[in-house]
Amino acid sequence: MTNPTARYLPAGLPIPVAEPDGLSAPYWEGLRKGKLLVQRCSHCNAWQFGPEWLCHRCHAFDPAWTEVQPCGRIFSWERVWHPSHAALKGHGPYIAVLVELPHAGGIRMVGNLLGDPAQKVTIGADVEGVFEHHPESNPPYALLQWRRRQVSSK
């Protein structure tokens, strides 16, 4: 699920970094290691994403970071035609997806859908995560992109 040389986004975009308080640092560090980490409360076992200092369900502090498989299904999507940053000018359209992770309490996360930007997108389609590594950046970082999961024929 990792291709160290593949680049989906053009150069010139801001480098994603954790907030100054470090709340999302484990998430970004996990991506750099090729792992998807999300929060799970050690008190009530509720899953959550994006990161928070307390559990959304029981309000206990410091939910634990748990590795989950980077696979899910498309919950919603949008074909984006207008660049949201100057570096994206001339690089559209692209497809933004909201991916639901059923094995992680149904939490949802936004990302790009790799492949032809004119492809047909189906709600409920299975997707898998692709880690896009940028070790040459300062600081180094990784992104999680999504691609449609190929159904193997037997």
Protein backbone atom coordinates (compact mmCIF):
# COMPACT_ATOMS: atom_id res chain seq x y z
CA MET A 1 0.00 0.00 0.00
CA THR A 2 3.02 2.25 -0.06
CA ASN A 3 4.78 3.58 -3.14
CA PRO A 4 7.78 5.67 -2.03
CA THR A 5 8.22 7.40 -5.42
CA ALA A 6 4.60 8.17 -6.31
CA ARG A 7 3.44 11.78 -5.99
CA TYR A 8 -0.18 12.75 -6.34
CA LEU A 9 -0.10 16.38 -5.30
CA PRO A 10 2.02 19.06 -6.98
CA ALA A 11 4.92 20.81 -5.29
CA GLY A 12 4.25 24.11 -3.56
CA LEU A 13 1.54 23.09 -1.12
CA PRO A 14 2.08 23.78 2.59
CA ILE A 15 3.63 20.88 4.50
CA PRO A 16 1.16 19.32 6.95
CA VAL A 17 2.40 19.52 10.52
CA ALA A 18 0.87 18.83 13.92
CA GLU A 19 -0.71 21.69 15.81
CA PRO A 20 1.60 23.60 18.16
CA ASP A 21 0.09 21.72 21.12
CA GLY A 22 1.04 18.37 19.51
CA LEU A 23 -2.49 16.96 19.50
CA SER A 24 -2.25 15.31 16.07
CA ALA A 25 1.49 14.50 16.23
CA PRO A 26 0.90 10.73 16.69
CA TYR A 27 -1.30 10.69 13.56
CA TRP A 28 1.37 12.38 11.38
CA GLU A 29 4.18 10.27 12.88
CA GLY A 30 2.14 7.14 12.15
CA LEU A 31 1.71 8.14 8.51
CA ARG A 32 5.49 8.65 8.20
CA LYS A 33 5.89 5.05 9.42
CA GLY A 34 3.24 3.74 7.00
CA LYS A 35 0.62 3.28 9.73
CA LEU A 36 -2.85 4.73 10.15
CA LEU A 37 -3.42 5.72 13.78
CA VAL A 38 -6.75 6.91 15.13
CA GLN A 39 -7.96 7.49 18.66
CA ARG A 40 -9.80 4.95 20.79
CA CYS A 41 -10.88 5.62 24.35
CA SER A 42 -9.39 3.20 26.88
CA HIS A 43 -12.37 3.81 29.19
CA CYS A 44 -15.42 3.28 26.93
CA ASN A 45 -13.73 1.92 23.73
CA ALA A 46 -15.25 4.63 21.52
CA TRP A 47 -13.36 5.38 18.28
CA GLN A 48 -12.84 8.95 17.07
CA PHE A 49 -11.18 11.03 14.38
CA GLY A 50 -10.11 13.92 14.17
CA PRO A 51 -7.96 13.97 17.23
CA GLU A 52 -9.19 15.46 20.49
CA TRP A 53 -7.77 15.65 24.01
CA LEU A 54 -10.88 13.96 25.39
CA CYS A 55 -13.26 11.20 24.36
CA HIS A 56 -16.34 12.37 22.47
CA ARG A 57 -18.52 9.79 24.25
CA CYS A 58 -17.45 9.59 27.93
CA HIS A 59 -15.25 12.71 28.15
CA ALA A 60 -12.25 10.82 29.59
CA PHE A 61 -8.95 12.57 28.87
CA ASP A 62 -6.22 11.39 26.51
CA PRO A 63 -7.80 8.76 24.24
CA ALA A 64 -5.20 6.18 23.14
CA TRP A 65 -3.80 6.05 19.60
CA THR A 66 -4.57 2.74 17.92
CA GLU A 67 -3.34 1.38 14.58
CA VAL A 68 -6.10 0.37 12.16
CA GLN A 69 -6.03 -1.05 8.66
CA PRO A 70 -6.20 1.76 6.08
CA CYS A 71 -9.26 0.41 4.30
CA GLY A 72 -12.87 1.44 4.25
CA ARG A 73 -15.66 2.51 1.95
CA ILE A 74 -16.69 5.74 0.29
CA PHE A 75 -19.34 7.47 2.39
CA SER A 76 -19.47 10.66 0.30
CA TRP A 77 -17.41 12.36 -2.39
CA GLU A 78 -16.96 15.51 -4.48
CA ARG A 79 -15.22 16.22 -7.76
CA VAL A 80 -13.30 19.43 -7.07
CA TRP A 81 -12.93 21.78 -10.04
CA HIS A 82 -11.70 25.00 -8.44
CA PRO A 83 -8.21 25.06 -6.91
CA SER A 84 -8.16 25.70 -3.16
CA HIS A 85 -4.48 26.73 -3.30
CA ALA A 86 -2.38 28.47 -5.98
CA ALA A 87 -0.18 25.35 -6.35
CA LEU A 88 -3.26 23.39 -7.49
CA LYS A 89 -4.00 25.72 -10.41
CA GLY A 90 -4.00 23.60 -13.55
CA HIS A 91 -4.12 20.35 -11.55
CA GLY A 92 -7.88 19.84 -11.45
CA PRO A 93 -10.25 18.36 -11.24
CA TYR A 94 -9.53 15.93 -8.42
CA ILE A 95 -11.80 13.77 -6.29
CA ALA A 96 -12.14 14.29 -2.53
CA VAL A 97 -13.71 11.38 -0.65
CA LEU A 98 -15.11 10.92 2.82
CA VAL A 99 -14.05 7.40 3.79
CA GLU A 100 -15.81 5.44 6.52
CA LEU A 101 -13.77 2.86 8.44
CA PRO A 102 -16.29 0.18 9.49
CA HIS A 103 -13.67 -1.77 11.51
CA ALA A 104 -12.93 1.38 13.56
CA GLY A 105 -16.38 2.26 14.81
CA GLY A 106 -17.45 3.88 11.53
CA ILE A 107 -15.20 6.93 11.96
CA ARG A 108 -14.76 8.96 8.78
CA MET A 109 -11.80 10.76 7.26
CA VAL A 110 -11.36 12.97 4.20
CA GLY A 111 -8.77 12.31 1.52
CA ASN A 112 -8.05 12.29 -2.20
CA LEU A 113 -9.19 9.44 -4.44
CA LEU A 114 -6.33 8.43 -6.72
CA GLY A 115 -6.82 7.65 -10.39
CA ASP A 116 -8.64 9.27 -13.26
CA PRO A 117 -10.40 12.43 -12.00
CA ALA A 118 -13.25 11.64 -14.41
CA GLN A 119 -13.77 8.13 -13.00
CA LYS A 120 -17.19 7.02 -11.86
CA VAL A 121 -17.39 7.15 -8.06
CA THR A 122 -19.87 5.00 -6.17
CA ILE A 123 -21.03 5.51 -2.60
CA GLY A 124 -20.13 2.36 -0.67
CA ALA A 125 -17.21 1.42 -2.95
CA ASP A 126 -14.32 -0.23 -1.12
CA VAL A 127 -11.09 1.78 -0.90
CA GLU A 128 -7.63 1.21 0.54
CA GLY A 129 -5.11 3.68 1.82
CA VAL A 130 -1.93 4.56 -0.03
CA PHE A 131 0.85 6.25 1.93
CA GLU A 132 2.53 9.04 -0.05
CA HIS A 133 5.92 9.70 1.54
CA HIS A 134 7.87 12.96 1.22
CA PRO A 135 11.22 12.22 2.93
CA GLU A 136 12.98 15.04 1.06
CA SER A 137 10.82 17.70 2.72
CA ASN A 138 11.84 19.61 5.81
CA PRO A 139 10.30 18.32 7.97
CA PRO A 140 9.63 14.96 6.23
CA TYR A 141 5.95 14.01 6.06
CA ALA A 142 3.54 11.50 4.59
CA LEU A 143 -0.03 11.74 3.37
CA LEU A 144 -2.78 9.13 3.23
CA GLN A 145 -4.44 8.96 -0.18
CA TRP A 146 -7.20 6.52 -1.18
CA ARG A 147 -7.65 4.22 -4.17
CA ARG A 148 -10.43 1.88 -5.12
CA ARG A 149 -9.79 -1.61 -3.84
CA GLN A 150 -9.37 -4.12 -6.59
CA VAL A 151 -11.57 -7.18 -6.29
CA SER A 152 -9.47 -10.27 -6.93
CA SER A 153 -10.95 -12.80 -9.32
CA LYS A 154 -10.65 -16.42 -8.26
